[in-house]
């Protein structure tokens, strides 16, 4: 099966995948004004075209549902950190798992700073590792003060965790990130160093 290329329309509109239709329309209108080609100061025809395409798909319930299926499948495949689900004694695998958890929680907070949590089931799905194998890593990251349990029961990254991500360039390799609006393997969450 070939690699599926998919524009991240949520990233293009700077929205959470949970955004409602009213929010999608409001954000689209704001960004469309900013990037419309007739805007002499901030106009950008390519960006405007992508925004228009994103709005066309995400504002139509049927098209959005079909897009969400492909989006989830692509996102899951790109975030798979491990090929196997068996626990490993390898310290490099432990480090990669911890980096994977931190990267996911960092990006989740960047996308929605007000509701930054991610549940254990979503972490399991995206990392390709059952909860039992995540227990040690969750414990370690909590003890370091890099993550915490939210009121909703999920996990979120702390300010110290964000510092660890940015200072140590912890984000996963570019080929593991969602594509940016241009389809390249980077994301706006990737720190510019």
N, C-alpha and C. Protein backbone atom coordinates (compact mmCIF):
# COMPACT_ATOMS: atom_id res chain seq x y z
N UNK A 1 0.83 -1.17 0.00
CA UNK A 1 0.00 0.00 0.00
C UNK A 1 0.88 1.23 0.00
N UNK A 2 0.66 2.18 -0.93
CA UNK A 2 1.47 3.38 -1.04
C UNK A 2 1.16 4.36 0.07
N UNK A 3 2.06 5.30 0.24
CA UNK A 3 1.85 6.30 1.28
C UNK A 3 0.76 7.26 0.84
N UNK A 4 -0.19 7.51 1.71
CA UNK A 4 -1.29 8.40 1.45
C UNK A 4 -0.87 9.81 1.79
N UNK A 5 -0.99 10.73 0.82
CA UNK A 5 -0.67 12.12 1.06
C UNK A 5 -1.97 12.84 1.39
N UNK A 6 -1.98 13.59 2.46
CA UNK A 6 -3.21 14.23 2.90
C UNK A 6 -2.87 15.59 3.49
N UNK A 7 -3.48 16.64 2.93
CA UNK A 7 -3.32 17.96 3.51
C UNK A 7 -3.97 17.98 4.88
N UNK A 8 -3.33 18.62 5.83
CA UNK A 8 -3.90 18.74 7.17
C UNK A 8 -4.75 20.01 7.20
N UNK A 9 -6.04 19.85 6.89
CA UNK A 9 -6.94 20.99 6.84
C UNK A 9 -7.16 21.61 8.22
N UNK A 10 -7.09 20.81 9.26
CA UNK A 10 -7.23 21.37 10.60
C UNK A 10 -6.05 22.27 10.92
N UNK A 11 -4.88 21.84 10.53
CA UNK A 11 -3.69 22.67 10.74
C UNK A 11 -3.76 23.93 9.89
N UNK A 12 -4.21 23.81 8.66
CA UNK A 12 -4.33 24.97 7.77
C UNK A 12 -5.24 26.03 8.38
N UNK A 13 -6.34 25.58 8.99
CA UNK A 13 -7.27 26.51 9.63
C UNK A 13 -6.94 26.75 11.10
N UNK A 14 -5.85 26.15 11.57
CA UNK A 14 -5.39 26.31 12.95
C UNK A 14 -6.49 25.94 13.94
N UNK A 15 -7.11 24.77 13.69
CA UNK A 15 -8.24 24.30 14.48
C UNK A 15 -7.97 22.92 15.07
N UNK A 16 -8.67 22.62 16.14
CA UNK A 16 -8.70 21.27 16.68
C UNK A 16 -9.62 20.43 15.81
N UNK A 17 -9.34 19.14 15.65
CA UNK A 17 -10.27 18.27 14.91
C UNK A 17 -11.65 18.19 15.55
N UNK A 18 -11.79 18.68 16.76
CA UNK A 18 -13.09 18.67 17.45
C UNK A 18 -13.88 19.96 17.22
N UNK A 19 -13.38 20.88 16.42
CA UNK A 19 -14.03 22.17 16.21
C UNK A 19 -15.42 21.99 15.61
N UNK A 20 -16.37 22.80 16.09
CA UNK A 20 -17.72 22.73 15.54
C UNK A 20 -17.81 23.59 14.28
N UNK A 21 -18.92 23.46 13.57
CA UNK A 21 -19.07 24.14 12.27
C UNK A 21 -19.04 25.66 12.41
N UNK A 22 -19.57 26.19 13.50
CA UNK A 22 -19.56 27.63 13.72
C UNK A 22 -18.12 28.15 13.87
N UNK A 23 -17.32 27.42 14.61
CA UNK A 23 -15.92 27.80 14.81
C UNK A 23 -15.16 27.72 13.49
N UNK A 24 -15.41 26.68 12.72
CA UNK A 24 -14.74 26.52 11.43
C UNK A 24 -15.04 27.71 10.54
N UNK A 25 -16.30 28.11 10.48
CA UNK A 25 -16.68 29.24 9.63
C UNK A 25 -16.05 30.54 10.12
N UNK A 26 -16.09 30.78 11.43
CA UNK A 26 -15.53 32.01 11.99
C UNK A 26 -14.03 32.11 11.73
N UNK A 27 -13.30 31.02 11.97
CA UNK A 27 -11.85 31.03 11.76
C UNK A 27 -11.52 31.17 10.27
N UNK A 28 -12.28 30.47 9.43
CA UNK A 28 -12.05 30.59 7.98
C UNK A 28 -12.20 32.03 7.53
N UNK A 29 -13.26 32.69 7.94
CA UNK A 29 -13.49 34.09 7.52
C UNK A 29 -12.35 35.01 7.97
N UNK A 30 -11.88 34.80 9.20
CA UNK A 30 -10.79 35.62 9.72
C UNK A 30 -9.51 35.40 8.90
N UNK A 31 -9.17 34.11 8.66
CA UNK A 31 -7.94 33.81 7.92
C UNK A 31 -8.08 34.18 6.44
N UNK A 32 -9.28 34.04 5.89
CA UNK A 32 -9.50 34.39 4.48
C UNK A 32 -9.26 35.88 4.26
N UNK A 33 -9.70 36.71 5.20
CA UNK A 33 -9.44 38.15 5.09
C UNK A 33 -7.94 38.44 5.12
N UNK A 34 -7.25 37.72 6.00
CA UNK A 34 -5.82 37.94 6.15
C UNK A 34 -5.04 37.52 4.91
N UNK A 35 -5.38 36.37 4.33
CA UNK A 35 -4.58 35.82 3.24
C UNK A 35 -5.18 36.01 1.85
N UNK A 36 -6.30 36.73 1.75
CA UNK A 36 -6.90 36.96 0.43
C UNK A 36 -5.88 37.66 -0.45
N UNK A 37 -5.75 37.24 -1.71
CA UNK A 37 -4.75 37.84 -2.61
C UNK A 37 -4.90 39.35 -2.78
N UNK A 38 -6.09 39.89 -2.55
CA UNK A 38 -6.29 41.35 -2.67
C UNK A 38 -5.75 42.12 -1.47
N UNK A 39 -5.37 41.43 -0.40
CA UNK A 39 -4.82 42.08 0.78
C UNK A 39 -3.34 42.39 0.49
N UNK A 40 -3.04 43.68 0.33
CA UNK A 40 -1.69 44.09 -0.05
C UNK A 40 -0.62 43.74 1.00
N UNK A 41 -0.99 43.72 2.26
CA UNK A 41 -0.01 43.50 3.31
C UNK A 41 0.23 42.02 3.63
N UNK A 42 -0.82 41.22 3.70
CA UNK A 42 -0.65 39.84 4.13
C UNK A 42 -1.21 38.82 3.14
N UNK A 43 -1.59 39.27 1.97
CA UNK A 43 -2.18 38.36 0.98
C UNK A 43 -1.22 37.26 0.54
N UNK A 44 -1.78 36.06 0.32
CA UNK A 44 -0.98 34.92 -0.11
C UNK A 44 -1.92 33.99 -0.86
N UNK A 45 -1.80 33.95 -2.19
CA UNK A 45 -2.73 33.19 -3.02
C UNK A 45 -2.70 31.70 -2.70
N UNK A 46 -1.51 31.13 -2.48
CA UNK A 46 -1.42 29.70 -2.18
C UNK A 46 -2.09 29.37 -0.85
N UNK A 47 -1.80 30.17 0.15
CA UNK A 47 -2.40 29.96 1.48
C UNK A 47 -3.91 30.14 1.40
N UNK A 48 -4.36 31.14 0.67
CA UNK A 48 -5.80 31.38 0.52
C UNK A 48 -6.48 30.20 -0.17
N UNK A 49 -5.83 29.66 -1.18
CA UNK A 49 -6.38 28.51 -1.90
C UNK A 49 -6.51 27.30 -0.97
N UNK A 50 -5.49 27.05 -0.15
CA UNK A 50 -5.54 25.94 0.80
C UNK A 50 -6.64 26.17 1.84
N UNK A 51 -6.77 27.39 2.33
CA UNK A 51 -7.81 27.70 3.31
C UNK A 51 -9.20 27.46 2.72
N UNK A 52 -9.38 27.88 1.47
CA UNK A 52 -10.67 27.70 0.80
C UNK A 52 -10.98 26.22 0.63
N UNK A 53 -9.98 25.45 0.22
CA UNK A 53 -10.16 24.01 0.07
C UNK A 53 -10.49 23.36 1.42
N UNK A 54 -9.77 23.76 2.47
CA UNK A 54 -10.01 23.22 3.81
C UNK A 54 -11.43 23.55 4.26
N UNK A 55 -11.85 24.78 4.06
CA UNK A 55 -13.20 25.18 4.46
C UNK A 55 -14.26 24.41 3.68
N UNK A 56 -14.05 24.23 2.39
CA UNK A 56 -15.00 23.50 1.54
C UNK A 56 -15.20 22.08 2.07
N UNK A 57 -14.13 21.43 2.49
CA UNK A 57 -14.22 20.06 2.99
C UNK A 57 -14.78 20.02 4.41
N UNK A 58 -14.26 20.84 5.30
CA UNK A 58 -14.62 20.75 6.71
C UNK A 58 -16.00 21.35 7.02
N UNK A 59 -16.52 22.18 6.15
CA UNK A 59 -17.85 22.77 6.40
C UNK A 59 -18.98 21.88 5.90
N UNK A 60 -18.67 20.89 5.09
CA UNK A 60 -19.67 19.95 4.58
C UNK A 60 -19.61 18.68 5.44
N UNK A 61 -20.69 18.35 6.16
CA UNK A 61 -20.65 17.21 7.09
C UNK A 61 -20.23 15.89 6.43
N UNK A 62 -20.72 15.60 5.23
CA UNK A 62 -20.35 14.34 4.57
C UNK A 62 -18.89 14.33 4.16
N UNK A 63 -18.43 15.43 3.57
CA UNK A 63 -17.03 15.51 3.14
C UNK A 63 -16.10 15.49 4.35
N UNK A 64 -16.52 16.15 5.43
CA UNK A 64 -15.70 16.17 6.63
C UNK A 64 -15.59 14.77 7.24
N UNK A 65 -16.70 14.04 7.28
CA UNK A 65 -16.67 12.68 7.83
C UNK A 65 -15.71 11.79 7.03
N UNK A 66 -15.77 11.89 5.71
CA UNK A 66 -14.86 11.09 4.87
C UNK A 66 -13.41 11.54 5.09
N UNK A 67 -13.19 12.85 5.18
CA UNK A 67 -11.84 13.38 5.43
C UNK A 67 -11.32 12.90 6.78
N UNK A 68 -12.17 12.95 7.81
CA UNK A 68 -11.75 12.56 9.16
C UNK A 68 -11.28 11.11 9.21
N UNK A 69 -11.93 10.24 8.45
CA UNK A 69 -11.50 8.84 8.41
C UNK A 69 -10.08 8.76 7.86
N UNK A 70 -9.82 9.42 6.74
CA UNK A 70 -8.47 9.41 6.15
C UNK A 70 -7.47 10.12 7.06
N UNK A 71 -7.89 11.22 7.66
CA UNK A 71 -7.04 12.00 8.56
C UNK A 71 -6.59 11.15 9.75
N UNK A 72 -7.54 10.47 10.39
CA UNK A 72 -7.19 9.62 11.54
C UNK A 72 -6.26 8.49 11.14
N UNK A 73 -6.54 7.87 9.99
CA UNK A 73 -5.71 6.76 9.52
C UNK A 73 -4.29 7.25 9.23
N UNK A 74 -4.17 8.39 8.56
CA UNK A 74 -2.86 8.95 8.22
C UNK A 74 -2.12 9.37 9.48
N UNK A 75 -2.81 10.04 10.39
CA UNK A 75 -2.19 10.51 11.63
C UNK A 75 -1.70 9.33 12.46
N UNK A 76 -2.50 8.29 12.56
CA UNK A 76 -2.10 7.12 13.32
C UNK A 76 -0.86 6.48 12.73
N UNK A 77 -0.85 6.30 11.41
CA UNK A 77 0.29 5.67 10.75
C UNK A 77 1.55 6.51 10.93
N UNK A 78 1.44 7.81 10.83
CA UNK A 78 2.63 8.67 10.95
C UNK A 78 3.17 8.71 12.36
N UNK A 79 2.31 8.49 13.35
CA UNK A 79 2.76 8.57 14.73
C UNK A 79 3.17 7.24 15.30
N UNK A 80 3.09 6.18 14.51
CA UNK A 80 3.51 4.88 15.03
C UNK A 80 4.99 4.95 15.39
N UNK A 81 5.30 4.77 16.64
CA UNK A 81 6.68 4.87 17.10
C UNK A 81 7.36 3.52 17.09
N UNK A 82 6.61 2.48 17.38
CA UNK A 82 7.20 1.16 17.48
C UNK A 82 6.54 0.19 16.53
N UNK A 83 7.33 -0.69 15.99
CA UNK A 83 6.82 -1.72 15.10
C UNK A 83 6.15 -2.84 15.90
N UNK A 84 6.62 -3.09 17.10
CA UNK A 84 6.11 -4.17 17.92
C UNK A 84 5.41 -3.60 19.14
N UNK A 85 4.50 -4.39 19.71
CA UNK A 85 3.82 -3.94 20.91
C UNK A 85 4.36 -4.63 22.16
N UNK A 86 5.41 -5.41 22.00
CA UNK A 86 5.96 -6.09 23.16
C UNK A 86 6.87 -5.13 23.93
N UNK A 87 6.90 -5.28 25.26
CA UNK A 87 7.77 -4.41 26.05
C UNK A 87 9.23 -4.70 25.73
N UNK A 88 10.04 -3.69 25.85
CA UNK A 88 11.45 -3.84 25.51
C UNK A 88 12.31 -3.47 26.70
N UNK A 89 13.44 -4.07 26.76
CA UNK A 89 14.41 -3.75 27.81
C UNK A 89 15.43 -2.74 27.29
N UNK A 90 15.30 -2.32 26.05
CA UNK A 90 16.25 -1.42 25.42
C UNK A 90 16.00 0.02 25.88
N UNK A 91 17.04 0.67 26.39
CA UNK A 91 16.93 2.04 26.88
C UNK A 91 16.59 3.00 25.75
N UNK A 92 17.09 2.75 24.54
CA UNK A 92 16.74 3.61 23.41
C UNK A 92 15.25 3.55 23.12
N UNK A 93 14.64 2.36 23.23
CA UNK A 93 13.19 2.23 23.03
C UNK A 93 12.43 2.99 24.13
N UNK A 94 12.92 2.92 25.37
CA UNK A 94 12.30 3.67 26.45
C UNK A 94 12.35 5.17 26.15
N UNK A 95 13.51 5.64 25.73
CA UNK A 95 13.67 7.07 25.42
C UNK A 95 12.74 7.47 24.28
N UNK A 96 12.66 6.64 23.24
CA UNK A 96 11.79 6.95 22.11
C UNK A 96 10.33 6.99 22.53
N UNK A 97 9.93 6.07 23.40
CA UNK A 97 8.55 6.05 23.88
C UNK A 97 8.25 7.32 24.67
N UNK A 98 9.17 7.71 25.55
CA UNK A 98 8.97 8.92 26.33
C UNK A 98 8.93 10.15 25.43
N UNK A 99 9.80 10.18 24.43
CA UNK A 99 9.78 11.28 23.46
C UNK A 99 8.48 11.29 22.68
N UNK A 100 7.98 10.11 22.35
CA UNK A 100 6.71 10.01 21.63
C UNK A 100 5.56 10.58 22.45
N UNK A 101 5.49 10.21 23.73
CA UNK A 101 4.44 10.73 24.60
C UNK A 101 4.57 12.25 24.72
N UNK A 102 5.78 12.74 24.98
CA UNK A 102 5.98 14.18 25.10
C UNK A 102 5.63 14.91 23.81
N UNK A 103 6.03 14.35 22.68
CA UNK A 103 5.74 14.99 21.39
C UNK A 103 4.24 15.09 21.15
N UNK A 104 3.52 14.01 21.41
CA UNK A 104 2.07 14.03 21.22
C UNK A 104 1.40 15.05 22.13
N UNK A 105 1.81 15.08 23.39
CA UNK A 105 1.20 16.00 24.33
C UNK A 105 1.59 17.45 24.03
N UNK A 106 2.80 17.65 23.53
CA UNK A 106 3.23 18.99 23.13
C UNK A 106 2.36 19.51 21.99
N UNK A 107 2.19 18.68 20.97
CA UNK A 107 1.40 19.10 19.81
C UNK A 107 -0.06 19.27 20.19
N UNK A 108 -0.57 18.42 21.07
CA UNK A 108 -1.95 18.57 21.53
C UNK A 108 -2.14 19.90 22.23
N UNK A 109 -1.19 20.28 23.09
CA UNK A 109 -1.29 21.57 23.78
C UNK A 109 -1.15 22.73 22.80
N UNK A 110 -0.26 22.62 21.83
CA UNK A 110 -0.09 23.69 20.83
C UNK A 110 -1.38 23.90 20.04
N UNK A 111 -2.06 22.81 19.73
CA UNK A 111 -3.29 22.92 18.93
C UNK A 111 -4.47 23.44 19.74
N UNK A 112 -4.51 23.17 21.03
CA UNK A 112 -5.62 23.59 21.87
C UNK A 112 -5.12 23.79 23.29
N UNK A 113 -4.60 24.98 23.57
CA UNK A 113 -3.99 25.26 24.87
C UNK A 113 -5.00 25.22 26.01
N UNK A 114 -6.27 25.45 25.71
CA UNK A 114 -7.30 25.46 26.74
C UNK A 114 -7.69 24.04 27.15
N UNK A 115 -7.74 23.12 26.17
CA UNK A 115 -8.08 21.72 26.43
C UNK A 115 -6.94 20.84 25.93
N UNK A 116 -5.83 20.81 26.66
CA UNK A 116 -4.62 20.15 26.15
C UNK A 116 -4.53 18.66 26.39
N UNK A 117 -5.53 18.05 27.00
CA UNK A 117 -5.41 16.66 27.41
C UNK A 117 -5.57 15.65 26.29
N UNK A 118 -4.92 14.52 26.48
CA UNK A 118 -5.05 13.38 25.58
C UNK A 118 -5.22 12.15 26.45
N UNK A 119 -6.23 11.37 26.15
CA UNK A 119 -6.52 10.17 26.94
C UNK A 119 -5.53 9.05 26.66
N UNK A 120 -5.53 8.10 27.56
CA UNK A 120 -4.62 6.96 27.44
C UNK A 120 -4.94 6.14 26.20
N UNK A 121 -6.22 6.02 25.83
CA UNK A 121 -6.57 5.24 24.65
C UNK A 121 -6.02 5.88 23.38
N UNK A 122 -6.06 7.20 23.32
CA UNK A 122 -5.50 7.91 22.17
C UNK A 122 -3.98 7.75 22.13
N UNK A 123 -3.34 7.84 23.29
CA UNK A 123 -1.89 7.61 23.35
C UNK A 123 -1.55 6.19 22.89
N UNK A 124 -2.32 5.22 23.36
CA UNK A 124 -2.10 3.83 22.94
C UNK A 124 -2.20 3.70 21.43
N UNK A 125 -3.26 4.28 20.88
CA UNK A 125 -3.53 4.15 19.44
C UNK A 125 -2.43 4.82 18.62
N UNK A 126 -2.05 6.02 19.01
CA UNK A 126 -1.07 6.76 18.22
C UNK A 126 0.34 6.22 18.37
N UNK A 127 0.67 5.68 19.53
CA UNK A 127 2.01 5.15 19.75
C UNK A 127 2.11 3.67 19.40
N UNK A 128 0.97 3.03 19.19
CA UNK A 128 0.99 1.61 18.84
C UNK A 128 1.48 0.75 19.99
N UNK A 129 1.12 1.12 21.20
CA UNK A 129 1.61 0.44 22.40
C UNK A 129 0.47 0.35 23.40
N UNK A 130 0.20 -0.84 23.97
CA UNK A 130 -0.89 -0.95 24.94
C UNK A 130 -0.60 -0.20 26.24
N UNK A 131 -1.68 0.12 26.95
CA UNK A 131 -1.58 0.88 28.19
C UNK A 131 -0.59 0.28 29.17
N UNK A 132 -0.59 -1.03 29.29
CA UNK A 132 0.31 -1.70 30.23
C UNK A 132 1.78 -1.34 29.96
N UNK A 133 2.12 -1.20 28.69
CA UNK A 133 3.51 -0.87 28.33
C UNK A 133 3.80 0.62 28.49
N UNK A 134 2.75 1.43 28.57
CA UNK A 134 2.93 2.87 28.76
C UNK A 134 3.05 3.25 30.24
N UNK A 135 2.63 2.37 31.13
CA UNK A 135 2.58 2.71 32.56
C UNK A 135 3.90 3.25 33.09
N UNK A 136 5.00 2.57 32.80
CA UNK A 136 6.30 3.01 33.29
C UNK A 136 6.63 4.40 32.76
N UNK A 137 6.40 4.62 31.48
CA UNK A 137 6.76 5.90 30.85
C UNK A 137 5.89 7.04 31.39
N UNK A 138 4.61 6.77 31.58
CA UNK A 138 3.71 7.78 32.15
C UNK A 138 4.16 8.12 33.57
N UNK A 139 4.47 7.08 34.36
CA UNK A 139 4.97 7.31 35.72
C UNK A 139 6.22 8.18 35.70
N UNK A 140 7.18 7.82 34.86
CA UNK A 140 8.45 8.54 34.80
C UNK A 140 8.23 10.01 34.42
N UNK A 141 7.44 10.25 33.39
CA UNK A 141 7.21 11.62 32.93
C UNK A 141 6.45 12.44 33.97
N UNK A 142 5.55 11.80 34.71
CA UNK A 142 4.85 12.50 35.79
C UNK A 142 5.82 12.84 36.92
N UNK A 143 6.67 11.90 37.28
CA UNK A 143 7.65 12.13 38.35
C UNK A 143 8.62 13.26 37.99
N UNK A 144 8.98 13.36 36.72
CA UNK A 144 9.87 14.43 36.27
C UNK A 144 9.15 15.79 36.26
N UNK A 145 7.82 15.76 36.38
CA UNK A 145 7.04 16.99 36.33
C UNK A 145 6.80 17.47 34.91
N UNK A 146 6.96 16.59 33.93
CA UNK A 146 6.81 16.97 32.53
C UNK A 146 5.40 16.77 32.00
N UNK A 147 4.62 15.90 32.67
CA UNK A 147 3.22 15.72 32.31
C UNK A 147 2.40 15.64 33.59
N UNK A 148 1.10 15.81 33.47
CA UNK A 148 0.20 15.68 34.61
C UNK A 148 -1.13 15.13 34.12
N UNK A 149 -1.92 14.63 35.06
CA UNK A 149 -3.25 14.12 34.73
C UNK A 149 -4.23 15.30 34.79
N UNK A 150 -5.02 15.47 33.75
CA UNK A 150 -6.00 16.56 33.70
C UNK A 150 -7.24 16.20 34.51
N UNK A 151 -8.08 17.20 34.76
CA UNK A 151 -9.33 16.96 35.48
C UNK A 151 -10.22 15.98 34.71
N UNK A 152 -10.08 15.95 33.39
CA UNK A 152 -10.88 15.05 32.56
C UNK A 152 -10.33 13.63 32.50
N UNK A 153 -9.20 13.38 33.16
CA UNK A 153 -8.64 12.04 33.20
C UNK A 153 -7.56 11.77 32.16
N UNK A 154 -7.33 12.69 31.26
CA UNK A 154 -6.28 12.52 30.27
C UNK A 154 -4.94 12.99 30.80
N UNK A 155 -3.99 13.12 29.90
CA UNK A 155 -2.67 13.62 30.27
C UNK A 155 -2.37 14.86 29.45
N UNK A 156 -1.62 15.79 30.05
CA UNK A 156 -1.21 17.00 29.37
C UNK A 156 0.23 17.32 29.74
N UNK A 157 0.89 18.02 28.85
CA UNK A 157 2.28 18.41 29.09
C UNK A 157 2.31 19.65 29.97
N UNK A 158 3.31 19.74 30.84
CA UNK A 158 3.50 20.91 31.71
C UNK A 158 4.45 21.89 31.02
N UNK A 159 4.64 23.05 31.63
CA UNK A 159 5.60 24.02 31.11
C UNK A 159 7.02 23.42 31.12
N UNK A 160 7.34 22.66 32.16
CA UNK A 160 8.64 21.99 32.21
C UNK A 160 8.78 20.98 31.08
N UNK A 161 7.69 20.29 30.77
CA UNK A 161 7.71 19.34 29.67
C UNK A 161 7.91 20.03 28.34
N UNK A 162 7.27 21.19 28.15
CA UNK A 162 7.47 21.97 26.93
C UNK A 162 8.93 22.40 26.83
N UNK A 163 9.50 22.83 27.96
CA UNK A 163 10.92 23.20 27.96
C UNK A 163 11.78 22.01 27.56
N UNK A 164 11.47 20.83 28.08
CA UNK A 164 12.25 19.63 27.74
C UNK A 164 12.15 19.33 26.25
N UNK A 165 10.97 19.52 25.68
CA UNK A 165 10.78 19.27 24.25
C UNK A 165 11.59 20.26 23.42
N UNK A 166 11.48 21.53 23.75
CA UNK A 166 12.13 22.56 22.92
C UNK A 166 13.64 22.64 23.16
N UNK A 167 14.08 22.49 24.39
CA UNK A 167 15.51 22.58 24.68
C UNK A 167 16.29 21.38 24.17
N UNK A 168 15.66 20.22 24.18
CA UNK A 168 16.35 19.00 23.77
C UNK A 168 15.95 18.52 22.39
N UNK A 169 15.18 19.34 21.67
CA UNK A 169 14.71 18.99 20.32
C UNK A 169 14.11 17.58 20.32
N UNK A 170 13.15 17.37 21.23
CA UNK A 170 12.58 16.05 21.46
C UNK A 170 11.56 15.65 20.40
N UNK A 171 10.97 16.59 19.69
CA UNK A 171 9.94 16.21 18.72
C UNK A 171 10.46 15.12 17.80
N UNK A 172 9.57 14.22 17.45
CA UNK A 172 9.94 13.10 16.61
C UNK A 172 10.44 13.57 15.26
N UNK A 173 11.12 12.67 14.56
CA UNK A 173 11.67 12.99 13.25
C UNK A 173 10.60 13.60 12.36
N UNK A 174 11.04 14.40 11.38
CA UNK A 174 10.11 15.06 10.47
C UNK A 174 9.19 14.08 9.76
N UNK A 175 9.66 12.90 9.43
CA UNK A 175 8.81 11.95 8.71
C UNK A 175 7.75 11.32 9.61
N UNK A 176 7.79 11.60 10.91
CA UNK A 176 6.77 11.10 11.82
C UNK A 176 5.71 12.15 12.13
N UNK A 177 5.90 13.38 11.63
CA UNK A 177 4.97 14.45 11.92
C UNK A 177 3.92 14.56 10.83
N UNK A 178 2.79 15.13 11.19
CA UNK A 178 1.76 15.40 10.20
C UNK A 178 2.32 16.38 9.18
N UNK A 179 1.90 16.27 7.93
CA UNK A 179 2.40 17.21 6.94
C UNK A 179 1.88 18.61 7.23
N UNK A 180 2.68 19.62 6.87
CA UNK A 180 2.19 20.97 7.02
C UNK A 180 1.31 21.30 5.82
N UNK A 181 0.89 22.53 5.74
CA UNK A 181 -0.02 22.93 4.68
C UNK A 181 0.56 22.70 3.29
N UNK A 182 1.88 22.67 3.16
CA UNK A 182 2.53 22.45 1.87
C UNK A 182 2.72 20.98 1.57
N UNK A 183 2.36 20.10 2.50
CA UNK A 183 2.49 18.67 2.29
C UNK A 183 3.85 18.12 2.64
N UNK A 184 4.75 18.98 3.12
CA UNK A 184 6.06 18.46 3.52
C UNK A 184 5.91 17.77 4.86
N UNK A 185 6.92 17.02 5.26
CA UNK A 185 6.84 16.21 6.47
C UNK A 185 7.01 16.98 7.75
N UNK A 186 6.87 18.29 7.72
CA UNK A 186 7.01 19.06 8.96
C UNK A 186 5.68 19.59 9.38
N UNK A 187 5.64 20.08 10.57
CA UNK A 187 4.44 20.65 11.12
C UNK A 187 4.81 21.96 11.80
N UNK A 188 3.86 22.85 11.94
CA UNK A 188 4.19 24.12 12.57
C UNK A 188 4.56 23.93 14.03
N UNK A 189 4.26 22.77 14.61
CA UNK A 189 4.66 22.52 15.97
C UNK A 189 6.15 22.27 16.08
N UNK A 190 6.79 21.90 15.00
CA UNK A 190 8.23 21.64 15.02
C UNK A 190 8.94 22.94 15.32
N UNK A 191 9.76 22.95 16.33
CA UNK A 191 10.45 24.17 16.70
C UNK A 191 11.46 24.55 15.62
N UNK A 192 11.56 25.84 15.38
CA UNK A 192 12.53 26.33 14.40
C UNK A 192 13.84 26.54 15.12
N UNK A 193 14.83 25.74 14.80
CA UNK A 193 16.14 25.85 15.44
C UNK A 193 17.18 26.12 14.40
